[in-house]
Amino acid sequence: MSRVQKRAEWMRRRRLEFLLALVVLMALLLGLRAADLQLFHRGSLLQKAVAQREDVLKIPAPRGDILDAQGRVLAASVRVPSIACFAEEVPKEAVGRLARALELEPKRLARRLSARSGFVWLRRQVPPEMARRVQALDVPGVQVIHEWRRYYPLGAAMGPVLGFVDIDGKGIEGIEFVRDRWLAGHPGRKVVVRDAKGRTLQARWLDEPRPGRPLRLT
């Protein structure tokens, strides 16, 4: 082997040794960083994870209107507030104030919350002023969610024909029941990230609600 070849071989080995040392050094640094996070920052990481919670909420969609032959509205959906919570996040000391705002019996509400976990409806389709009272309390884990309530402009006059829907907006009598699949909307799904007090930090749609189709009677 000539002197030039020997030098080329020596340079190649040096480069390989350098690259190997670099890989070992990077692995060592990553290991030290992981150990640092595990040993010294584990508490803060856990605290941050506990302080933030991500939930997927089902967001209702409005039903389609029912119209008469002249295009007048016989049934429509109106947006109304409902009150819900994540039971384990509601402080015990706030239950009394929350019950008064919701016009509920405090002991019964306390038992209900202690027996449940996760998402719980407290009162659905409430007057706007009740929703404002609840929001003003700023109770952790409690939130106002808007739903859709069926409204019949002619009142009970068309009841035997139109029928009605339940609180979830599902047709159970009359045209509302017979044409439920046509009238029903498709609910959406929203990812909501909240802090320890239940306040929304971030929200994004997975699927947006799709309204139901209108139905015209002939």
C-alpha atoms as a PDB file:
ATOM      1  CA  MET A   1       0.000   0.000   0.000  1.00  0.00           C
ATOM      2  CA  SER A   2       1.431   3.352  -1.038  1.00  0.00           C
ATOM      3  CA  ARG A   3       1.882   6.304   1.261  1.00  0.00           C
ATOM      4  CA  VAL A   4      -1.062   8.096  -0.408  1.00  0.00           C
ATOM      5  CA  GLN A   5      -3.334   5.078   0.091  1.00  0.00           C
ATOM      6  CA  LYS A   6      -2.292   4.752   3.721  1.00  0.00           C
ATOM      7  CA  ARG A   7      -3.086   8.405   4.334  1.00  0.00           C
ATOM      8  CA  ALA A   8      -6.497   8.064   2.616  1.00  0.00           C
ATOM      9  CA  GLU A   9      -7.308   5.008   4.771  1.00  0.00           C
ATOM     10  CA  TRP A  10      -6.220   6.873   7.909  1.00  0.00           C
ATOM     11  CA  MET A  11      -8.467   9.846   6.994  1.00  0.00           C
ATOM     12  CA  ARG A  12     -11.441   7.528   6.377  1.00  0.00           C
ATOM     13  CA  ARG A  13     -11.024   5.894   9.789  1.00  0.00           C
ATOM     14  CA  ARG A  14     -10.733   9.276  11.450  1.00  0.00           C
ATOM     15  CA  ARG A  15     -14.002  10.425   9.833  1.00  0.00           C
ATOM     16  CA  LEU A  16     -15.782   7.247  10.957  1.00  0.00           C
ATOM     17  CA  GLU A  17     -14.434   7.657  14.488  1.00  0.00           C
ATOM     18  CA  PHE A  18     -15.582  11.286  14.516  1.00  0.00           C
ATOM     19  CA  LEU A  19     -19.097  10.371  13.319  1.00  0.00           C
ATOM     20  CA  LEU A  20     -19.337   7.573  15.884  1.00  0.00           C
ATOM     21  CA  ALA A  21     -18.256   9.915  18.668  1.00  0.00           C
ATOM     22  CA  LEU A  22     -20.864  12.456  17.492  1.00  0.00           C
ATOM     23  CA  VAL A  23     -23.637   9.842  17.564  1.00  0.00           C
ATOM     24  CA  VAL A  24     -22.605   8.703  21.057  1.00  0.00           C
ATOM     25  CA  LEU A  25     -22.519  12.312  22.267  1.00  0.00           C
ATOM     26  CA  MET A  26     -26.020  13.047  20.885  1.00  0.00           C
ATOM     27  CA  ALA A  27     -27.394   9.891  22.501  1.00  0.00           C
ATOM     28  CA  LEU A  28     -25.798  10.886  25.798  1.00  0.00           C
ATOM     29  CA  LEU A  29     -27.297  14.394  25.620  1.00  0.00           C
ATOM     30  CA  LEU A  30     -30.767  13.017  24.845  1.00  0.00           C
ATOM     31  CA  GLY A  31     -30.473  10.602  27.740  1.00  0.00           C
ATOM     32  CA  LEU A  32     -29.439  13.378  30.116  1.00  0.00           C
ATOM     33  CA  ARG A  33     -32.358  15.542  28.948  1.00  0.00           C
ATOM     34  CA  ALA A  34     -34.836  12.706  29.486  1.00  0.00           C
ATOM     35  CA  ALA A  35     -33.418  12.064  32.959  1.00  0.00           C
ATOM     36  CA  ASP A  36     -33.617  15.772  33.771  1.00  0.00           C
ATOM     37  CA  LEU A  37     -37.285  15.913  32.767  1.00  0.00           C
ATOM     38  CA  GLN A  38     -38.101  12.741  34.657  1.00  0.00           C
ATOM     39  CA  LEU A  39     -36.245  13.548  37.862  1.00  0.00           C
ATOM     40  CA  PHE A  40     -36.389  17.321  38.181  1.00  0.00           C
ATOM     41  CA  HIS A  41     -39.339  18.526  36.086  1.00  0.00           C
ATOM     42  CA  ARG A  42     -41.748  15.630  36.458  1.00  0.00           C
ATOM     43  CA  GLY A  43     -43.840  17.529  38.997  1.00  0.00           C
ATOM     44  CA  SER A  44     -44.279  20.589  36.798  1.00  0.00           C
ATOM     45  CA  LEU A  45     -45.111  18.460  33.768  1.00  0.00           C
ATOM     46  CA  LEU A  46     -47.734  16.539  35.722  1.00  0.00           C
ATOM     47  CA  GLN A  47     -49.102  19.783  37.118  1.00  0.00           C
ATOM     48  CA  LYS A  48     -49.449  21.195  33.614  1.00  0.00           C
ATOM     49  CA  ALA A  49     -51.158  18.026  32.398  1.00  0.00           C
ATOM     50  CA  VAL A  50     -53.609  18.147  35.302  1.00  0.00           C
ATOM     51  CA  ALA A  51     -54.185  21.863  34.805  1.00  0.00           C
ATOM     52  CA  GLN A  52     -55.260  21.297  31.206  1.00  0.00           C
ATOM     53  CA  ARG A  53     -57.929  18.894  30.059  1.00  0.00           C
ATOM     54  CA  GLU A  54     -58.987  17.991  26.543  1.00  0.00           C
ATOM     55  CA  ASP A  55     -62.524  16.820  25.848  1.00  0.00           C
ATOM     56  CA  VAL A  56     -64.523  16.052  22.719  1.00  0.00           C
ATOM     57  CA  LEU A  57     -67.971  17.637  22.891  1.00  0.00           C
ATOM     58  CA  LYS A  58     -70.955  16.676  20.778  1.00  0.00           C
ATOM     59  CA  ILE A  59     -72.508  19.854  19.366  1.00  0.00           C
ATOM     60  CA  PRO A  60     -76.180  19.587  18.316  1.00  0.00           C
ATOM     61  CA  ALA A  61     -77.379  20.657  14.882  1.00  0.00           C
ATOM     62  CA  PRO A  62     -80.728  22.369  14.176  1.00  0.00           C
ATOM     63  CA  ARG A  63     -83.568  20.403  12.591  1.00  0.00           C
ATOM     64  CA  GLY A  64     -84.938  21.515   9.270  1.00  0.00           C
ATOM     65  CA  ASP A  65     -87.961  23.831   9.228  1.00  0.00           C
ATOM     66  CA  ILE A  66     -91.415  22.501   8.400  1.00  0.00           C
ATOM     67  CA  LEU A  67     -93.299  24.791   5.993  1.00  0.00           C
ATOM     68  CA  ASP A  68     -96.852  24.828   4.687  1.00  0.00           C
ATOM     69  CA  ALA A  69     -97.711  24.920   0.979  1.00  0.00           C
ATOM     70  CA  GLN A  70     -97.403  28.749   0.955  1.00  0.00           C
ATOM     71  CA  GLY A  71     -93.947  28.658   2.573  1.00  0.00           C
ATOM     72  CA  ARG A  72     -95.053  29.745   6.044  1.00  0.00           C
ATOM     73  CA  VAL A  73     -93.050  28.281   8.928  1.00  0.00           C
ATOM     74  CA  LEU A  74     -94.942  25.705  10.982  1.00  0.00           C
ATOM     75  CA  ALA A  75     -91.963  24.402  12.958  1.00  0.00           C
ATOM     76  CA  ALA A  76     -88.499  25.880  13.455  1.00  0.00           C
ATOM     77  CA  SER A  77     -85.458  25.452  15.693  1.00  0.00           C
ATOM     78  CA  VAL A  78     -84.391  28.257  18.050  1.00  0.00           C
ATOM     79  CA  ARG A  79     -81.045  28.445  19.849  1.00  0.00           C
ATOM     80  CA  VAL A  80     -81.261  28.191  23.650  1.00  0.00           C
ATOM     81  CA  PRO A  81     -78.670  27.855  26.451  1.00  0.00           C
ATOM     82  CA  SER A  82     -78.199  24.733  28.562  1.00  0.00           C
ATOM     83  CA  ILE A  83     -75.986  24.265  31.626  1.00  0.00           C
ATOM     84  CA  ALA A  84     -73.499  21.397  31.930  1.00  0.00           C
ATOM     85  CA  CYS A  85     -70.401  20.577  33.940  1.00  0.00           C
ATOM     86  CA  PHE A  86     -67.566  18.135  34.469  1.00  0.00           C
ATOM     87  CA  ALA A  87     -68.669  16.810  37.854  1.00  0.00           C
ATOM     88  CA  GLU A  88     -65.263  16.139  39.396  1.00  0.00           C
ATOM     89  CA  GLU A  89     -64.120  19.715  38.702  1.00  0.00           C
ATOM     90  CA  VAL A  90     -66.934  21.505  40.549  1.00  0.00           C
ATOM     91  CA  PRO A  91     -65.694  22.613  44.022  1.00  0.00           C
ATOM     92  CA  LYS A  92     -67.903  21.466  46.899  1.00  0.00           C
ATOM     93  CA  GLU A  93     -68.028  24.984  48.319  1.00  0.00           C
ATOM     94  CA  ALA A  94     -69.571  26.268  45.064  1.00  0.00           C
ATOM     95  CA  VAL A  95     -72.448  23.766  44.896  1.00  0.00           C
ATOM     96  CA  GLY A  96     -74.801  25.882  47.023  1.00  0.00           C
ATOM     97  CA  ARG A  97     -74.318  29.015  44.906  1.00  0.00           C
ATOM     98  CA  LEU A  98     -74.663  26.978  41.726  1.00  0.00           C
ATOM     99  CA  ALA A  99     -77.868  25.314  42.949  1.00  0.00           C
ATOM    100  CA  ARG A 100     -79.444  28.693  43.762  1.00  0.00           C
ATOM    101  CA  ALA A 101     -78.577  30.054  40.323  1.00  0.00           C
ATOM    102  CA  LEU A 102     -80.094  26.962  38.706  1.00  0.00           C
ATOM    103  CA  GLU A 103     -83.120  26.989  41.066  1.00  0.00           C
ATOM    104  CA  LEU A 104     -82.284  23.477  42.265  1.00  0.00           C
ATOM    105  CA  GLU A 105     -82.201  21.920  45.743  1.00  0.00           C
ATOM    106  CA  PRO A 106     -78.558  22.150  46.952  1.00  0.00           C
ATOM    107  CA  LYS A 107     -78.409  18.749  48.684  1.00  0.00           C
ATOM    108  CA  ARG A 108     -79.874  16.973  45.677  1.00  0.00           C
ATOM    109  CA  LEU A 109     -77.392  18.684  43.343  1.00  0.00           C
ATOM    110  CA  ALA A 110     -74.499  17.775  45.668  1.00  0.00           C
ATOM    111  CA  ARG A 111     -75.551  14.100  45.684  1.00  0.00           C
ATOM    112  CA  ARG A 112     -75.901  14.114  41.923  1.00  0.00           C
ATOM    113  CA  LEU A 113     -72.431  15.527  41.380  1.00  0.00           C
ATOM    114  CA  SER A 114     -70.777  13.197  43.897  1.00  0.00           C
ATOM    115  CA  ALA A 115     -72.352  10.168  42.221  1.00  0.00           C
ATOM    116  CA  ARG A 116     -71.218  11.097  38.716  1.00  0.00           C
ATOM    117  CA  SER A 117     -67.987  11.770  36.877  1.00  0.00           C
ATOM    118  CA  GLY A 118     -67.218  13.366  33.570  1.00  0.00           C
ATOM    119  CA  PHE A 119     -69.777  15.355  31.568  1.00  0.00           C
ATOM    120  CA  VAL A 120     -73.138  15.980  33.280  1.00  0.00           C
ATOM    121  CA  TRP A 121     -76.148  18.021  32.170  1.00  0.00           C
ATOM    122  CA  LEU A 122     -77.345  20.236  35.045  1.00  0.00           C
ATOM    123  CA  ARG A 123     -80.301  21.962  33.389  1.00  0.00           C
ATOM    124  CA  ARG A 124     -81.201  22.014  29.735  1.00  0.00           C
ATOM    125  CA  GLN A 125     -82.904  24.676  27.650  1.00  0.00           C
ATOM    126  CA  VAL A 126     -82.964  27.314  30.367  1.00  0.00           C
ATOM    127  CA  PRO A 127     -83.972  31.000  30.139  1.00  0.00           C
ATOM    128  CA  PRO A 128     -81.164  33.337  29.028  1.00  0.00           C
ATOM    129  CA  GLU A 129     -81.175  35.168  32.379  1.00  0.00           C
ATOM    130  CA  MET A 130     -80.483  31.889  34.221  1.00  0.00           C
ATOM    131  CA  ALA A 131     -77.551  31.170  31.910  1.00  0.00           C
ATOM    132  CA  ARG A 132     -76.180  34.667  32.612  1.00  0.00           C
ATOM    133  CA  ARG A 133     -76.431  34.088  36.379  1.00  0.00           C
ATOM    134  CA  VAL A 134     -74.501  30.829  36.079  1.00  0.00           C
ATOM    135  CA  GLN A 135     -71.807  32.410  33.919  1.00  0.00           C
ATOM    136  CA  ALA A 136     -71.410  35.250  36.425  1.00  0.00           C
ATOM    137  CA  LEU A 137     -70.548  32.709  39.152  1.00  0.00           C
ATOM    138  CA  ASP A 138     -67.514  31.506  37.167  1.00  0.00           C
ATOM    139  CA  VAL A 139     -67.619  28.077  38.844  1.00  0.00           C
ATOM    140  CA  PRO A 140     -64.784  25.771  37.688  1.00  0.00           C
ATOM    141  CA  GLY A 141     -65.950  22.994  35.392  1.00  0.00           C
ATOM    142  CA  VAL A 142     -69.349  24.598  34.668  1.00  0.00           C
ATOM    143  CA  GLN A 143     -70.186  25.846  31.201  1.00  0.00           C
ATOM    144  CA  VAL A 144     -73.050  27.093  29.064  1.00  0.00           C
ATOM    145  CA  ILE A 145     -73.700  25.077  25.916  1.00  0.00           C
ATOM    146  CA  HIS A 146     -76.195  26.220  23.299  1.00  0.00           C
ATOM    147  CA  GLU A 147     -78.705  23.686  21.985  1.00  0.00           C
ATOM    148  CA  TRP A 148     -81.735  23.830  19.706  1.00  0.00           C
ATOM    149  CA  ARG A 149     -85.352  23.826  20.881  1.00  0.00           C
ATOM    150  CA  ARG A 150     -88.305  23.264  18.574  1.00  0.00           C
ATOM    151  CA  TYR A 151     -90.678  26.199  18.172  1.00  0.00           C
ATOM    152  CA  TYR A 152     -94.189  25.965  16.712  1.00  0.00           C
ATOM    153  CA  PRO A 153     -95.537  29.419  15.704  1.00  0.00           C
ATOM    154  CA  LEU A 154     -99.164  28.182  15.601  1.00  0.00           C
ATOM    155  CA  GLY A 155     -98.909  26.549  19.014  1.00  0.00           C
ATOM    156  CA  ALA A 156    -101.100  23.517  19.679  1.00  0.00           C
ATOM    157  CA  ALA A 157    -103.312  24.137  16.640  1.00  0.00           C
ATOM    158  CA  MET A 158    -101.103  21.995  14.373  1.00  0.00           C
ATOM    159  CA  GLY A 159     -99.994  19.643  17.134  1.00  0.00           C
ATOM    160  CA  PRO A 160    -101.928  16.558  15.974  1.00  0.00           C
ATOM    161  CA  VAL A 161    -100.372  16.856  12.507  1.00  0.00           C
ATOM    162  CA  LEU A 162     -96.851  18.129  13.237  1.00  0.00           C
ATOM    163  CA  GLY A 163     -96.327  16.120  16.415  1.00  0.00           C
ATOM    164  CA  PHE A 164     -93.355  17.068  18.593  1.00  0.00           C
ATOM    165  CA  VAL A 165     -89.746  16.228  19.518  1.00  0.00           C
ATOM    166  CA  ASP A 166     -88.057  15.213  22.775  1.00  0.00           C
ATOM    167  CA  ILE A 167     -85.455  17.313  24.607  1.00  0.00           C
ATOM    168  CA  ASP A 168     -82.698  15.827  22.418  1.00  0.00           C
ATOM    169  CA  GLY A 169     -84.530  17.009  19.287  1.00  0.00           C
ATOM    170  CA  LYS A 170     -85.676  13.575  18.113  1.00  0.00           C
ATOM    171  CA  GLY A 171     -89.140  13.350  16.549  1.00  0.00           C
ATOM    172  CA  ILE A 172     -91.533  11.181  18.551  1.00  0.00           C
ATOM    173  CA  GLU A 173     -94.992  12.032  17.137  1.00  0.00           C
ATOM    174  CA  GLY A 174     -96.640  13.187  13.889  1.00  0.00           C
ATOM    175  CA  ILE A 175     -94.646  14.503  10.945  1.00  0.00           C
ATOM    176  CA  GLU A 176     -91.676  15.151  13.255  1.00  0.00           C
ATOM    177  CA  PHE A 177     -91.517  11.384  13.847  1.00  0.00           C
ATOM    178  CA  VAL A 178     -92.428  10.128  10.364  1.00  0.00           C
ATOM    179  CA  ARG A 179     -89.896  12.417   8.614  1.00  0.00           C
ATOM    180  CA  ASP A 180     -87.321  12.452  11.411  1.00  0.00           C
ATOM    181  CA  ARG A 181     -84.446  11.225   9.239  1.00  0.00           C
ATOM    182  CA  TRP A 182     -85.126  13.999   6.708  1.00  0.00           C
ATOM    183  CA  LEU A 183     -85.493  16.778   9.283  1.00  0.00           C
ATOM    184  CA  ALA A 184     -82.742  15.746  11.705  1.00  0.00           C
ATOM    185  CA  GLY A 185     -79.400  17.516  11.455  1.00  0.00           C
ATOM    186  CA  HIS A 186     -76.009  15.867  11.865  1.00  0.00           C
ATOM    187  CA  PRO A 187     -74.305  16.849  15.144  1.00  0.00           C
ATOM    188  CA  GLY A 188     -70.755  18.169  15.137  1.00  0.00           C
ATOM    189  CA  ARG A 189     -67.763  17.314  17.307  1.00  0.00           C
ATOM    190  CA  LYS A 190     -65.497  19.899  18.877  1.00  0.00           C
ATOM    191  CA  VAL A 191     -62.236  19.388  20.774  1.00  0.00           C
ATOM    192  CA  VAL A 192     -62.064  21.756  23.738  1.00  0.00           C
ATOM    193  CA  VAL A 193     -58.954  22.305  25.877  1.00  0.00           C
ATOM    194  CA  ARG A 194     -59.767  23.786  29.284  1.00  0.00           C
ATOM    195  CA  ASP A 195     -57.778  24.942  32.280  1.00  0.00           C
ATOM    196  CA  ALA A 196     -58.264  23.804  35.881  1.00  0.00           C
ATOM    197  CA  LYS A 197     -61.168  26.248  36.303  1.00  0.00           C
ATOM    198  CA  GLY A 198     -63.002  24.883  33.285  1.00  0.00           C
ATOM    199  CA  ARG A 199     -62.257  27.918  31.141  1.00  0.00           C
ATOM    200  CA  THR A 200     -61.725  27.249  27.460  1.00  0.00           C
ATOM    201  CA  LEU A 201     -58.126  27.713  26.334  1.00  0.00           C
ATOM    202  CA  GLN A 202     -58.504  26.351  22.822  1.00  0.00           C
ATOM    203  CA  ALA A 203     -61.259  24.854  20.675  1.00  0.00           C
ATOM    204  CA  ARG A 204     -61.246  23.309  17.222  1.00  0.00           C
ATOM    205  CA  TRP A 205     -63.805  21.478  15.119  1.00  0.00           C
ATOM    206  CA  LEU A 206     -63.454  17.821  14.217  1.00  0.00           C
ATOM    207  CA  ASP A 207     -66.797  17.899  12.379  1.00  0.00           C
ATOM    208  CA  GLU A 208     -69.030  20.955  12.080  1.00  0.00           C
ATOM    209  CA  PRO A 209     -72.790  20.498  12.686  1.00  0.00           C
ATOM    210  CA  ARG A 210     -74.902  20.091   9.542  1.00  0.00           C
ATOM    211  CA  PRO A 211     -78.471  21.453   9.754  1.00  0.00           C
ATOM    212  CA  GLY A 212     -81.410  19.247   8.826  1.00  0.00           C
ATOM    213  CA  ARG A 213     -83.290  19.670   5.548  1.00  0.00           C
ATOM    214  CA  PRO A 214     -86.469  21.771   5.336  1.00  0.00           C
ATOM    215  CA  LEU A 215     -89.747  19.992   4.621  1.00  0.00           C
ATOM    216  CA  ARG A 216     -92.564  21.659   2.656  1.00  0.00           C
ATOM    217  CA  LEU A 217     -96.052  20.261   3.048  1.00  0.00           C
ATOM    218  CA  THR A 218     -98.378  20.085   0.064  1.00  0.00           C
END
